[in-house]
């Protein structure tokens, strides 16, 4: 059964992972701390992500929690602008923030 997964990051590694994972997951959501991918990701990858129907993006967010009973079941995501938080179902969380993350 295909399940939703999340990728944290805004660079090429995160984009490549999302495109790959989209083959296996019901939905891949890329969680990006900034408001754009233009400065951190190659244009060809942005185009490929836009063309993949089961990849979505959430802008200006950060993961602030995770929960599950023996495995990941949900993540808590907070909007960095409004501070609003949301709990989302998640089967996996992949962190691709680079060797020197911009956090």
N, C-alpha and C. Protein backbone atom coordinates (compact mmCIF):
# COMPACT_ATOMS: atom_id res chain seq x y z
N UNK A 1 0.84 -1.17 0.00
CA UNK A 1 0.00 0.00 0.00
C UNK A 1 0.89 1.24 0.00
N UNK A 2 0.61 2.16 -0.90
CA UNK A 2 1.36 3.41 -0.98
C UNK A 2 0.92 4.35 0.14
N UNK A 3 1.88 5.05 0.73
CA UNK A 3 1.59 5.94 1.85
C UNK A 3 2.28 7.28 1.63
N UNK A 4 1.84 8.31 2.37
CA UNK A 4 2.45 9.63 2.23
C UNK A 4 3.80 9.72 2.94
N UNK A 5 4.75 10.38 2.27
CA UNK A 5 6.07 10.58 2.85
C UNK A 5 6.45 12.06 2.70
N UNK A 6 7.43 12.47 3.49
CA UNK A 6 7.87 13.87 3.51
C UNK A 6 9.38 13.92 3.32
N UNK A 7 9.82 14.95 2.63
CA UNK A 7 11.24 15.22 2.43
C UNK A 7 11.50 16.62 2.95
N UNK A 8 12.46 16.75 3.86
CA UNK A 8 12.86 18.06 4.36
C UNK A 8 14.07 18.52 3.57
N UNK A 9 13.98 19.71 2.99
CA UNK A 9 15.13 20.26 2.27
C UNK A 9 14.70 21.02 1.04
N UNK A 10 15.57 21.89 0.57
CA UNK A 10 15.25 22.70 -0.59
C UNK A 10 16.31 22.64 -1.68
N UNK A 11 17.28 21.75 -1.52
CA UNK A 11 18.36 21.64 -2.50
C UNK A 11 18.16 20.48 -3.46
N UNK A 12 19.18 20.27 -4.30
CA UNK A 12 19.10 19.22 -5.32
C UNK A 12 18.92 17.83 -4.73
N UNK A 13 19.57 17.53 -3.62
CA UNK A 13 19.42 16.19 -3.02
C UNK A 13 17.98 15.93 -2.60
N UNK A 14 17.34 16.93 -2.02
CA UNK A 14 15.94 16.79 -1.62
C UNK A 14 15.05 16.62 -2.84
N UNK A 15 15.30 17.40 -3.88
CA UNK A 15 14.51 17.30 -5.10
C UNK A 15 14.65 15.95 -5.77
N UNK A 16 15.89 15.45 -5.86
CA UNK A 16 16.12 14.15 -6.47
C UNK A 16 15.47 13.04 -5.66
N UNK A 17 15.54 13.14 -4.35
CA UNK A 17 14.90 12.14 -3.49
C UNK A 17 13.39 12.16 -3.68
N UNK A 18 12.81 13.34 -3.75
CA UNK A 18 11.36 13.45 -3.92
C UNK A 18 10.90 12.81 -5.22
N UNK A 19 11.62 13.08 -6.31
CA UNK A 19 11.26 12.50 -7.60
C UNK A 19 11.36 10.98 -7.54
N UNK A 20 12.40 10.46 -6.92
CA UNK A 20 12.56 9.01 -6.79
C UNK A 20 11.44 8.42 -5.92
N UNK A 21 11.20 9.02 -4.76
CA UNK A 21 10.20 8.49 -3.84
C UNK A 21 8.79 8.55 -4.40
N UNK A 22 8.53 9.48 -5.31
CA UNK A 22 7.20 9.60 -5.92
C UNK A 22 6.79 8.34 -6.66
N UNK A 23 7.76 7.51 -7.04
CA UNK A 23 7.46 6.25 -7.72
C UNK A 23 6.83 5.22 -6.77
N UNK A 24 7.02 5.41 -5.47
CA UNK A 24 6.61 4.41 -4.48
C UNK A 24 5.58 4.91 -3.48
N UNK A 25 5.51 6.22 -3.27
CA UNK A 25 4.64 6.79 -2.25
C UNK A 25 3.33 7.29 -2.87
N UNK A 26 2.29 7.34 -2.05
CA UNK A 26 1.03 7.91 -2.54
C UNK A 26 1.18 9.41 -2.78
N UNK A 27 1.97 10.04 -1.93
CA UNK A 27 2.20 11.48 -2.02
C UNK A 27 3.55 11.78 -1.39
N UNK A 28 4.32 12.63 -2.04
CA UNK A 28 5.58 13.12 -1.48
C UNK A 28 5.42 14.62 -1.29
N UNK A 29 5.65 15.08 -0.07
CA UNK A 29 5.59 16.51 0.21
C UNK A 29 6.98 16.98 0.60
N UNK A 30 7.46 17.98 -0.12
CA UNK A 30 8.76 18.58 0.20
C UNK A 30 8.50 19.74 1.15
N UNK A 31 9.14 19.70 2.29
CA UNK A 31 9.01 20.74 3.31
C UNK A 31 10.19 21.71 3.18
N UNK A 32 9.89 22.96 2.86
CA UNK A 32 10.93 23.94 2.56
C UNK A 32 10.83 25.09 3.57
N UNK A 33 11.95 25.46 4.17
CA UNK A 33 11.98 26.55 5.15
C UNK A 33 11.82 27.92 4.49
N UNK A 34 12.19 28.02 3.23
CA UNK A 34 12.16 29.31 2.53
C UNK A 34 10.88 29.44 1.71
N UNK A 35 10.80 30.48 0.89
CA UNK A 35 9.60 30.73 0.09
C UNK A 35 9.78 30.33 -1.37
N UNK A 36 10.96 29.79 -1.72
CA UNK A 36 11.25 29.46 -3.11
C UNK A 36 12.33 28.40 -3.18
N UNK A 37 12.39 27.71 -4.32
CA UNK A 37 13.47 26.75 -4.58
C UNK A 37 14.50 27.34 -5.55
N UNK A 38 14.20 28.47 -6.13
CA UNK A 38 14.99 29.02 -7.23
C UNK A 38 16.47 29.20 -6.90
N UNK A 39 16.80 29.58 -5.68
CA UNK A 39 18.20 29.83 -5.33
C UNK A 39 18.92 28.57 -4.86
N UNK A 40 18.18 27.51 -4.55
CA UNK A 40 18.83 26.34 -3.96
C UNK A 40 18.70 25.06 -4.77
N UNK A 41 17.90 25.07 -5.86
CA UNK A 41 17.68 23.86 -6.62
C UNK A 41 17.81 24.15 -8.11
N UNK A 42 18.33 23.18 -8.85
CA UNK A 42 18.48 23.32 -10.30
C UNK A 42 17.13 23.45 -10.98
N UNK A 43 17.09 24.25 -12.03
CA UNK A 43 15.84 24.50 -12.75
C UNK A 43 15.24 23.22 -13.33
N UNK A 44 16.08 22.31 -13.82
CA UNK A 44 15.55 21.06 -14.39
C UNK A 44 14.80 20.26 -13.33
N UNK A 45 15.28 20.27 -12.10
CA UNK A 45 14.62 19.54 -11.01
C UNK A 45 13.31 20.21 -10.62
N UNK A 46 13.30 21.52 -10.56
CA UNK A 46 12.07 22.25 -10.25
C UNK A 46 11.01 21.91 -11.30
N UNK A 47 11.41 21.88 -12.57
CA UNK A 47 10.49 21.54 -13.66
C UNK A 47 9.98 20.11 -13.50
N UNK A 48 10.85 19.19 -13.16
CA UNK A 48 10.44 17.79 -12.98
C UNK A 48 9.49 17.63 -11.80
N UNK A 49 9.76 18.32 -10.72
CA UNK A 49 8.88 18.28 -9.54
C UNK A 49 7.50 18.83 -9.91
N UNK A 50 7.49 19.96 -10.61
CA UNK A 50 6.21 20.55 -11.04
C UNK A 50 5.41 19.61 -11.93
N UNK A 51 6.10 18.77 -12.70
CA UNK A 51 5.43 17.87 -13.63
C UNK A 51 5.03 16.54 -13.00
N UNK A 52 5.41 16.31 -11.75
CA UNK A 52 5.09 15.04 -11.09
C UNK A 52 3.85 15.26 -10.22
N UNK A 53 2.73 14.64 -10.59
CA UNK A 53 1.45 14.96 -9.93
C UNK A 53 1.37 14.62 -8.44
N UNK A 54 2.14 13.66 -7.97
CA UNK A 54 2.03 13.30 -6.56
C UNK A 54 3.15 13.90 -5.69
N UNK A 55 3.78 14.96 -6.19
CA UNK A 55 4.74 15.72 -5.38
C UNK A 55 4.13 17.09 -5.09
N UNK A 56 4.13 17.45 -3.82
CA UNK A 56 3.66 18.76 -3.41
C UNK A 56 4.74 19.47 -2.60
N UNK A 57 4.57 20.74 -2.40
CA UNK A 57 5.52 21.54 -1.62
C UNK A 57 4.78 22.30 -0.54
N UNK A 58 5.42 22.41 0.59
CA UNK A 58 4.93 23.28 1.67
C UNK A 58 6.05 24.28 1.95
N UNK A 59 5.71 25.56 1.83
CA UNK A 59 6.69 26.63 1.96
C UNK A 59 6.72 27.20 3.37
N UNK A 60 7.92 27.66 3.76
CA UNK A 60 8.14 28.35 5.04
C UNK A 60 7.61 27.53 6.22
N UNK A 61 7.99 26.27 6.25
CA UNK A 61 7.56 25.39 7.33
C UNK A 61 8.76 24.69 7.95
N UNK A 62 8.54 24.17 9.15
CA UNK A 62 9.54 23.36 9.83
C UNK A 62 8.84 22.27 10.61
N UNK A 63 9.50 21.12 10.72
CA UNK A 63 8.95 20.01 11.50
C UNK A 63 9.29 20.27 12.95
N UNK A 64 8.26 20.22 13.81
CA UNK A 64 8.44 20.49 15.23
C UNK A 64 8.09 19.29 16.10
N UNK A 65 7.67 18.19 15.47
CA UNK A 65 7.34 17.00 16.25
C UNK A 65 7.02 15.83 15.34
N UNK A 66 7.06 14.66 15.93
CA UNK A 66 6.72 13.42 15.23
C UNK A 66 6.19 12.44 16.26
N UNK A 67 5.28 11.57 15.82
CA UNK A 67 4.70 10.61 16.75
C UNK A 67 4.31 9.33 16.02
N UNK A 68 4.15 8.29 16.81
CA UNK A 68 3.71 7.01 16.28
C UNK A 68 3.88 5.94 17.32
N UNK A 69 3.25 4.82 17.09
CA UNK A 69 3.32 3.69 18.01
C UNK A 69 4.21 2.62 17.40
N UNK A 70 5.52 2.72 17.68
CA UNK A 70 6.48 1.76 17.14
C UNK A 70 6.99 2.12 15.75
N UNK A 71 6.39 3.09 15.11
CA UNK A 71 6.82 3.58 13.80
C UNK A 71 6.24 4.98 13.60
N UNK A 72 6.77 5.69 12.65
CA UNK A 72 6.27 7.03 12.38
C UNK A 72 4.86 6.96 11.84
N UNK A 73 3.97 7.76 12.42
CA UNK A 73 2.58 7.84 11.95
C UNK A 73 2.16 9.26 11.61
N UNK A 74 2.69 10.24 12.34
CA UNK A 74 2.35 11.64 12.08
C UNK A 74 3.57 12.53 12.30
N UNK A 75 3.53 13.68 11.64
CA UNK A 75 4.52 14.73 11.92
C UNK A 75 3.76 16.01 12.22
N UNK A 76 4.37 16.86 13.04
CA UNK A 76 3.82 18.18 13.34
C UNK A 76 4.65 19.20 12.58
N UNK A 77 3.96 20.02 11.79
CA UNK A 77 4.61 21.02 10.95
C UNK A 77 4.11 22.39 11.39
N UNK A 78 5.06 23.33 11.54
CA UNK A 78 4.69 24.70 11.93
C UNK A 78 5.04 25.68 10.82
N UNK A 79 4.10 26.54 10.51
CA UNK A 79 4.31 27.62 9.55
C UNK A 79 5.26 28.63 10.20
N UNK A 80 6.36 28.95 9.55
CA UNK A 80 7.36 29.84 10.12
C UNK A 80 6.92 31.30 10.13
N UNK A 81 5.89 31.64 9.38
CA UNK A 81 5.41 33.02 9.33
C UNK A 81 4.29 33.23 10.34
N UNK A 82 3.26 32.40 10.26
CA UNK A 82 2.09 32.59 11.13
C UNK A 82 2.22 31.88 12.48
N UNK A 83 3.06 30.87 12.54
CA UNK A 83 3.19 30.08 13.77
C UNK A 83 2.15 28.98 13.88
N UNK A 84 1.23 28.90 12.93
CA UNK A 84 0.19 27.87 12.96
C UNK A 84 0.82 26.49 12.78
N UNK A 85 0.30 25.53 13.54
CA UNK A 85 0.83 24.17 13.47
C UNK A 85 -0.24 23.23 12.95
N UNK A 86 0.21 22.14 12.33
CA UNK A 86 -0.69 21.15 11.78
C UNK A 86 -0.07 19.77 11.97
N UNK A 87 -0.89 18.78 12.24
CA UNK A 87 -0.44 17.40 12.36
C UNK A 87 -0.86 16.67 11.09
N UNK A 88 0.12 16.04 10.45
CA UNK A 88 -0.11 15.38 9.17
C UNK A 88 0.25 13.90 9.24
N UNK A 89 -0.52 13.02 8.57
CA UNK A 89 -0.16 11.61 8.53
C UNK A 89 1.12 11.43 7.72
N UNK A 90 2.02 10.59 8.22
CA UNK A 90 3.31 10.38 7.55
C UNK A 90 3.80 8.97 7.78
N UNK A 91 4.21 8.31 6.71
CA UNK A 91 4.79 6.97 6.83
C UNK A 91 6.31 7.03 6.90
N UNK A 92 6.89 8.14 6.41
CA UNK A 92 8.35 8.28 6.42
C UNK A 92 8.72 9.76 6.35
N UNK A 93 9.89 10.07 6.88
CA UNK A 93 10.41 11.43 6.87
C UNK A 93 11.89 11.35 6.49
N UNK A 94 12.25 11.98 5.38
CA UNK A 94 13.62 11.97 4.88
C UNK A 94 14.20 13.36 5.02
N UNK A 95 15.37 13.45 5.65
CA UNK A 95 15.99 14.75 5.92
C UNK A 95 17.19 14.89 4.99
N UNK A 96 17.08 15.81 4.04
CA UNK A 96 18.14 16.07 3.07
C UNK A 96 18.45 17.55 3.08
N UNK A 97 19.17 17.97 4.10
CA UNK A 97 19.43 19.39 4.30
C UNK A 97 20.88 19.77 3.97
N UNK A 98 21.66 18.85 3.44
CA UNK A 98 23.01 19.15 3.00
C UNK A 98 24.06 18.98 4.09
N UNK A 99 25.30 19.02 3.65
CA UNK A 99 26.43 18.87 4.56
C UNK A 99 26.55 20.07 5.49
N UNK A 100 26.17 21.25 4.98
CA UNK A 100 26.17 22.48 5.77
C UNK A 100 24.78 23.11 5.63
N UNK A 101 23.83 22.67 6.45
CA UNK A 101 22.45 23.17 6.32
C UNK A 101 22.35 24.66 6.63
N UNK A 102 21.43 25.32 5.95
CA UNK A 102 21.15 26.74 6.18
C UNK A 102 20.03 26.89 7.21
N UNK A 103 20.27 26.40 8.42
CA UNK A 103 19.25 26.48 9.47
C UNK A 103 19.67 27.46 10.55
